[in-house]
Protein backbone atom coordinates (compact mmCIF):
# COMPACT_ATOMS: atom_id res chain seq x y z
CA MET A 1 -44.75 -49.47 85.49
CA THR A 2 -48.33 -48.64 84.50
CA SER A 3 -49.83 -50.77 81.72
CA PRO A 4 -50.68 -48.78 78.57
CA MET A 5 -53.99 -46.99 78.94
CA LYS A 6 -56.42 -45.37 76.55
CA VAL A 7 -56.87 -41.81 77.82
CA LEU A 8 -59.61 -39.40 76.75
CA ILE A 9 -58.92 -35.68 77.28
CA PRO A 10 -61.99 -33.65 76.19
CA ASN A 11 -60.26 -30.42 75.20
CA TYR A 12 -58.22 -28.73 72.49
CA ARG A 13 -54.49 -29.38 72.20
CA THR A 14 -52.98 -25.95 71.57
CA PRO A 15 -49.17 -25.57 71.50
CA ASP A 16 -47.55 -25.70 74.95
CA SER A 17 -50.92 -25.74 76.69
CA PHE A 18 -51.69 -27.93 79.69
CA VAL A 19 -53.46 -30.38 77.36
CA ASP A 20 -50.56 -30.37 74.90
CA ASN A 21 -47.93 -31.06 77.55
CA VAL A 22 -49.94 -33.83 79.20
CA ALA A 23 -50.92 -35.51 75.92
CA HIS A 24 -47.36 -35.30 74.60
CA THR A 25 -45.99 -36.91 77.76
CA LEU A 26 -48.65 -39.63 77.95
CA ILE A 27 -47.83 -40.70 74.40
CA LYS A 28 -44.10 -40.79 75.22
CA MET A 29 -44.95 -42.97 78.22
CA GLY A 30 -46.63 -45.49 75.90
CA HIS A 31 -50.30 -44.57 76.41
CA SER A 32 -52.79 -43.74 73.65
CA VAL A 33 -54.47 -40.33 73.88
CA THR A 34 -57.53 -38.83 72.23
CA THR A 35 -58.08 -35.07 72.38
CA MET A 36 -60.29 -32.69 70.46
CA PRO A 37 -59.11 -31.70 66.95
CA ALA A 38 -56.18 -29.29 66.82
CA ILE A 39 -56.87 -25.56 66.97
CA SER A 40 -54.57 -22.55 67.33
CA ASN A 41 -54.25 -20.52 70.54
CA GLN A 42 -55.24 -17.42 68.57
CA ASN A 43 -58.38 -19.08 67.22
CA ILE A 44 -59.67 -20.47 70.50
CA ASP A 45 -59.12 -17.17 72.34
CA ALA A 46 -60.46 -14.85 69.62
CA LYS A 47 -62.65 -12.29 71.38
CA TYR A 48 -65.51 -12.49 68.91
CA LYS A 49 -65.69 -16.28 69.25
CA VAL A 50 -65.72 -16.04 73.04
CA PHE A 51 -68.52 -13.44 72.77
CA LEU A 52 -70.56 -15.62 70.40
CA ARG A 53 -70.26 -18.62 72.72
CA LEU A 54 -71.41 -16.57 75.71
CA ALA A 55 -74.29 -15.03 73.73
CA LYS A 56 -75.44 -18.46 72.61
CA GLN A 57 -75.49 -19.66 76.21
CA VAL A 58 -77.62 -16.70 77.29
CA VAL A 59 -80.03 -16.44 74.34
CA LEU A 60 -80.51 -20.13 73.56
CA LYS A 61 -80.12 -21.38 77.14
CA ASP A 62 -77.31 -23.52 75.77
CA ASN A 63 -75.17 -24.11 78.85
CA TRP A 64 -72.86 -26.82 77.58
CA THR A 65 -69.45 -25.87 76.24
CA LEU A 66 -68.04 -27.05 72.91
CA GLN A 67 -65.82 -29.44 74.87
CA GLU A 68 -68.77 -30.94 76.74
CA LYS A 69 -70.77 -31.42 73.53
CA TRP A 70 -67.78 -33.11 71.90
CA LEU A 71 -67.36 -35.39 74.92
CA GLU A 72 -71.05 -36.35 74.85
CA LYS A 73 -70.69 -37.52 71.24
CA GLU A 74 -67.42 -39.31 71.95
CA LEU A 75 -68.95 -41.24 74.85
CA LYS A 76 -71.82 -42.35 72.61
CA HIS A 77 -69.61 -43.63 69.82
CA ASN A 78 -66.53 -44.94 71.62
CA THR A 79 -66.51 -47.12 74.73
CA THR A 80 -62.90 -48.31 74.72
CA TYR A 81 -61.28 -45.67 76.95
CA ASP A 82 -59.78 -46.51 80.35
CA LEU A 83 -59.42 -43.00 81.75
CA LEU A 84 -61.31 -39.74 81.34
CA LEU A 85 -58.83 -37.04 82.35
CA THR A 86 -59.68 -33.35 82.39
CA LEU A 87 -57.12 -30.58 82.84
CA THR A 88 -58.33 -27.46 84.65
CA GLN A 89 -61.75 -28.40 83.32
CA ALA A 90 -64.94 -29.18 85.22
CA LEU A 91 -67.65 -31.38 83.71
CA PRO A 92 -71.41 -31.80 84.18
CA GLU A 93 -72.36 -34.61 86.54
CA GLU A 94 -74.29 -36.46 83.83
CA LEU A 95 -71.20 -36.75 81.60
CA LEU A 96 -69.12 -38.08 84.48
CA HIS A 97 -71.74 -40.70 85.29
CA GLU A 98 -71.97 -41.70 81.61
CA ALA A 99 -68.21 -42.19 81.51
CA LYS A 100 -68.32 -44.31 84.67
CA LYS A 101 -71.11 -46.46 83.20
CA LYS A 102 -68.73 -47.29 80.38
CA GLY A 103 -66.08 -48.45 82.86
CA MET A 104 -63.88 -45.36 82.73
CA VAL A 105 -61.98 -43.92 85.67
CA THR A 106 -62.80 -40.20 85.98
CA ALA A 107 -60.01 -37.88 87.10
CA VAL A 108 -59.32 -34.14 87.01
CA TRP A 109 -56.00 -32.35 87.39
CA TRP A 110 -56.91 -28.75 88.22
CA GLY A 111 -53.94 -26.47 87.49
CA ASP A 112 -55.54 -23.10 88.16
CA THR A 113 -56.48 -21.26 91.32
CA PRO A 114 -59.71 -22.76 92.77
CA ALA A 115 -61.21 -19.25 92.72
CA ASN A 116 -61.46 -19.47 88.92
CA MET A 117 -63.90 -22.38 88.90
CA LYS A 118 -67.20 -21.64 87.16
CA LYS A 119 -70.72 -22.79 88.13
CA HIS A 120 -70.41 -25.96 90.25
CA GLY A 121 -66.71 -26.30 89.50
CA LEU A 122 -65.45 -29.65 90.77
CA LEU A 123 -68.17 -29.89 93.41
CA VAL A 124 -70.28 -32.54 91.70
CA ASP A 125 -70.63 -36.29 92.14
CA GLY A 126 -68.79 -38.45 89.65
CA TRP A 127 -65.09 -37.74 90.11
CA ASP A 128 -63.05 -40.78 91.15
CA LYS A 129 -59.94 -38.69 91.76
CA ILE A 130 -59.29 -34.95 92.05
CA PHE A 131 -55.75 -33.52 91.82
CA ILE A 132 -55.32 -29.85 92.68
CA LYS A 133 -52.32 -27.63 93.39
CA ASP A 134 -53.62 -25.81 96.50
CA GLN A 135 -53.30 -27.59 99.86
CA ASN A 136 -56.12 -25.54 101.39
CA ALA A 137 -58.42 -26.63 98.55
CA VAL A 138 -57.44 -30.25 99.19
CA LYS A 139 -58.50 -29.90 102.83
CA LYS A 140 -61.83 -28.29 101.89
CA LEU A 141 -62.55 -31.03 99.34
CA HIS A 142 -61.65 -33.70 101.89
CA GLY A 143 -64.13 -32.10 104.25
CA LEU A 144 -66.85 -32.78 101.69
CA GLY A 145 -65.83 -36.41 101.33
CA LEU A 146 -64.16 -35.94 97.94
CA ASP A 147 -61.02 -37.90 97.02
CA ALA A 148 -58.56 -35.06 96.48
CA SER A 149 -54.75 -35.02 96.36
CA LEU A 150 -52.19 -32.23 96.20
CA LEU A 151 -50.47 -32.08 92.81
CA HIS A 152 -48.37 -29.18 91.55
CA GLU A 153 -48.00 -28.21 87.90
CA ALA A 154 -44.93 -29.22 85.88
CA MET A 155 -42.49 -28.62 83.03
CA ASN A 156 -41.88 -30.52 79.80
CA PRO A 157 -38.15 -31.20 79.27
CA ASP A 158 -38.70 -31.74 75.55
CA TRP A 159 -39.08 -27.98 75.12
CA HIS A 160 -38.74 -26.39 78.57
CA LYS A 161 -34.96 -26.74 78.53
CA PRO A 162 -31.78 -24.59 78.43
CA LEU A 163 -31.54 -23.06 74.95
CA TYR A 164 -30.04 -19.64 75.65
CA THR A 165 -26.65 -18.63 74.22
CA HIS A 166 -26.24 -15.34 76.08
CA ILE A 167 -27.82 -13.40 78.96
CA ASN A 168 -29.15 -9.86 78.49
CA ASN A 169 -30.30 -7.25 81.03
CA GLU A 170 -34.06 -7.78 80.66
CA VAL A 171 -36.32 -8.93 83.46
CA VAL A 172 -38.77 -11.16 81.58
CA VAL A 173 -42.51 -11.27 82.26
CA ALA A 174 -44.77 -13.57 80.24
CA GLY A 175 -48.53 -13.90 80.56
CA SER A 176 -51.66 -11.85 81.09
CA PHE A 177 -51.47 -8.36 82.56
CA TYR A 178 -54.15 -8.42 85.23
CA ASP A 179 -54.38 -5.75 87.94
CA TYR A 180 -51.62 -6.99 90.27
CA ARG A 181 -49.05 -7.71 87.55
CA ASN A 182 -49.86 -4.43 85.82
CA TYR A 183 -49.19 -2.47 89.03
CA LEU A 184 -46.01 -4.36 89.91
CA VAL A 185 -44.44 -4.10 86.46
CA ASP A 186 -45.42 -0.45 86.12
CA LYS A 187 -43.60 0.28 89.40
CA LEU A 188 -40.47 -1.44 88.08
CA LEU A 189 -40.61 0.48 84.80
CA ALA A 190 -40.94 3.71 86.76
CA LYS A 191 -37.60 2.79 88.39
CA ASP A 192 -36.01 2.25 84.95
CA VAL A 193 -35.78 -1.54 85.22
CA GLU A 194 -35.17 -2.97 81.72
CA MET A 195 -37.95 -5.43 80.94
CA GLY A 196 -39.04 -7.89 78.27
CA LEU A 197 -42.83 -8.21 78.29
CA TYR A 198 -44.64 -11.00 76.43
CA GLY A 199 -48.20 -12.22 76.08
CA ARG A 200 -51.45 -11.64 74.24
CA ARG A 201 -52.80 -8.23 73.27
CA LEU A 202 -53.19 -5.95 76.26
CA SER A 203 -56.43 -4.63 77.73
CA LYS A 204 -57.14 -0.93 77.17
CA TRP A 205 -56.71 -0.06 80.86
CA VAL A 206 -53.13 -1.37 81.16
CA SER A 207 -50.37 1.11 82.04
CA GLN A 208 -49.05 3.28 79.21
CA ARG A 209 -45.49 2.41 80.22
CA ILE A 210 -46.28 -1.26 79.73
CA LYS A 211 -48.05 -0.66 76.41
CA ALA A 212 -45.02 1.24 75.11
CA ILE A 213 -42.69 -1.77 75.34
CA HIS A 214 -44.99 -4.82 75.35
CA ARG A 215 -44.19 -7.10 72.40
CA GLU A 216 -47.69 -8.60 72.02
CA LYS A 217 -46.08 -11.97 71.35
CA PHE A 218 -47.48 -15.17 72.86
CA ILE A 219 -44.46 -17.38 73.47
CA VAL A 220 -44.53 -21.19 73.54
CA ARG A 221 -42.24 -24.20 73.70
CA GLU A 222 -38.60 -23.65 72.64
CA ASP A 223 -39.13 -19.95 71.91
CA LYS A 224 -40.38 -19.49 75.47
CA SER A 225 -37.36 -21.33 76.85
CA ARG A 226 -34.89 -19.23 74.86
CA ILE A 227 -36.50 -16.03 76.15
CA PHE A 228 -36.64 -17.27 79.77
CA GLY A 229 -33.01 -18.35 79.67
CA SER A 230 -31.72 -15.24 77.91
CA GLY A 231 -33.23 -12.82 80.41
CA LEU A 232 -31.30 -11.43 83.34
CA ALA A 233 -34.14 -12.92 85.38
CA CYS A 234 -37.76 -14.01 85.04
CA LEU A 235 -40.33 -12.32 87.25
CA ASN A 236 -43.08 -14.71 88.32
CA SER A 237 -46.11 -13.02 89.90
CA THR A 238 -49.69 -14.23 90.29
CA ALA A 239 -53.13 -12.66 90.59
CA MET A 240 -54.71 -11.58 93.88
CA SER A 241 -56.98 -14.65 93.70
CA GLU A 242 -53.99 -17.03 93.73
CA PHE A 243 -53.21 -18.04 97.30
CA ASP A 244 -50.56 -20.55 98.36
CA SER A 245 -49.76 -22.37 95.14
CA LEU A 246 -47.28 -22.28 92.26
CA ASN A 247 -48.13 -21.68 88.62
CA CYS A 248 -46.73 -23.62 85.66
CA ARG A 249 -44.28 -20.76 85.01
CA ALA A 250 -42.44 -21.70 88.22
CA PHE A 251 -41.48 -25.04 86.68
CA GLU A 252 -41.09 -23.91 83.07
CA ILE A 253 -38.63 -21.15 84.04
CA ALA A 254 -36.60 -23.67 86.03
CA GLY A 255 -36.72 -26.09 83.10
CA ALA A 256 -35.35 -23.40 80.81
CA GLU A 257 -32.60 -22.68 83.37
CA GLY A 258 -33.90 -19.18 83.87
CA LEU A 259 -33.14 -17.18 87.00
CA GLN A 260 -36.51 -17.02 88.74
CA PHE A 261 -37.71 -14.27 91.07
CA LEU A 262 -40.98 -15.48 92.58
CA GLU A 263 -43.33 -13.87 95.10
CA TYR A 264 -42.86 -15.67 98.39
CA ARG A 265 -45.37 -18.33 99.42
CA ALA A 266 -45.03 -21.32 101.74
CA SER A 267 -45.60 -23.86 98.94
CA VAL A 268 -42.27 -22.85 97.37
CA HIS A 269 -40.58 -25.06 99.97
CA ASP A 270 -42.42 -28.13 98.63
CA CYS A 271 -40.74 -27.71 95.27
CA PHE A 272 -37.54 -25.61 95.45
CA GLU A 273 -34.91 -24.55 97.93
CA ASP A 274 -35.34 -20.82 98.37
CA GLY A 275 -32.11 -18.94 97.85
CA THR A 276 -30.17 -21.68 96.07
CA GLU A 277 -32.63 -22.93 93.39
CA ILE A 278 -34.97 -19.97 93.19
CA LYS A 279 -35.13 -16.48 94.69
CA THR A 280 -38.27 -15.18 96.39
CA PHE A 281 -39.30 -11.67 97.38
CA LYS A 282 -41.91 -10.13 99.69
CA SER A 283 -41.79 -6.51 98.51
CA ILE A 284 -40.87 -4.36 95.54
CA GLU A 285 -37.79 -3.23 97.47
CA GLU A 286 -36.64 -6.84 97.89
CA LEU A 287 -37.31 -7.51 94.20
CA ILE A 288 -35.22 -4.52 93.10
CA GLY A 289 -32.48 -5.76 95.41
CA LEU A 290 -32.56 -9.15 93.66
CA ILE A 291 -32.33 -7.49 90.25
CA ASP A 292 -29.27 -5.51 91.38
CA TRP A 293 -27.74 -8.71 92.81
CA ALA A 294 -28.23 -10.56 89.49
CA LYS A 295 -26.35 -7.80 87.66
CA LYS A 296 -23.49 -7.67 90.17
CA ALA A 297 -23.10 -11.41 90.82
CA PRO A 298 -23.57 -13.24 87.48
CA HIS A 299 -21.59 -16.31 88.58
CA GLU A 300 -23.73 -16.75 91.70
CA ALA A 301 -26.85 -16.18 89.62
CA LEU A 302 -25.72 -18.90 87.20
CA ARG A 303 -25.38 -21.37 90.07
CA VAL A 304 -28.98 -20.64 91.12
CA ARG A 305 -30.15 -21.15 87.53
CA GLN A 306 -28.37 -24.48 87.25
CA ALA A 307 -29.56 -25.73 90.63
CA GLY A 308 -33.17 -24.83 89.81
CA HIS A 309 -32.92 -26.66 86.50
CA LYS A 310 -31.45 -29.75 88.17
CA ARG A 311 -34.31 -29.82 90.71
CA ALA A 312 -36.94 -29.42 87.98
CA MET A 313 -35.49 -32.30 85.97
CA ALA A 314 -35.29 -34.53 89.04
CA GLU A 315 -38.76 -33.89 90.45
CA HIS A 316 -41.03 -31.62 88.41
CA THR A 317 -41.57 -33.00 84.91
CA TYR A 318 -44.97 -33.98 83.55
CA GLU A 319 -43.86 -37.60 83.65
CA HIS A 320 -43.29 -37.32 87.41
CA ARG A 321 -46.79 -35.90 87.88
CA LEU A 322 -48.52 -38.41 85.61
CA ASN A 323 -46.80 -41.33 87.32
CA TYR A 324 -48.18 -39.98 90.60
CA ILE A 325 -51.68 -39.81 89.08
CA PHE A 326 -51.48 -43.40 87.81
CA ASN A 327 -50.07 -44.69 91.11
CA THR A 328 -52.88 -42.95 92.99
CA ILE A 329 -55.55 -44.32 90.66
CA ASN A 330 -54.14 -47.85 90.89
CA SER A 331 -53.62 -47.87 94.66
């Protein structure tokens, strides 16, 4: 049992975000948590605000983010934290060293593909521990002498849980429509697959078939779980830059007891039993075959749903992951 710690997370806590789920779980575990003031998902991602931040960086040579500026002030005025924990967030070396001067352990849990790191990414001095979901990235970081560990993402059983009352015929897709997902979903729509599409407003270049049915609804927490569970299945695809790792959807769908169809990758076997807890595919033809199977074999599909949920509850909650982080830090 880890003694209560004072944890500083220098980012916004938006509903059902990585920060929200981690902070929520830490507090339940008996730790105290400080994050940046609350802000809505819609506010933080507003296009004009993103543009203004980028313009300020270019014109005024202001390269620090709002999160980094907030952290700088927090480190000046408060020295009582035990752990500085960032979540898919790199930090300037000088802030890491300042935190260490004040006796804080510095750790990062990177939940995105390593390809999405900006500037130096995590390749700076000052991290005590690095947790990342890609085994190949762990090996590369080890090669540089950095203390890195493999750590997958997770689900929060307080809202990623079975809430569905019926099952419809929609194949659910939630998230951004980047090039790969756009192409895959468009192909399914062309074959008259019934789909429920959720996420933020679409880019102008996205398929007209997708635009015609997309609900432009960003789903979180219990609402997300109801939609995942009510669908015939949930399609989980990732961008071309994502290699051999699982996204948070893999665990949230299982938490909601959704039937998950996931692109095959070797890391699936670290987390789920393929075929009995989750179904994977390697081609559109295999995916369409899975959709047909789900319609024809609802009782078998229900067993897969239930087995996936049981595995998620037993091994893949945020509490499981955070206990691993604390055990690694304290070892």
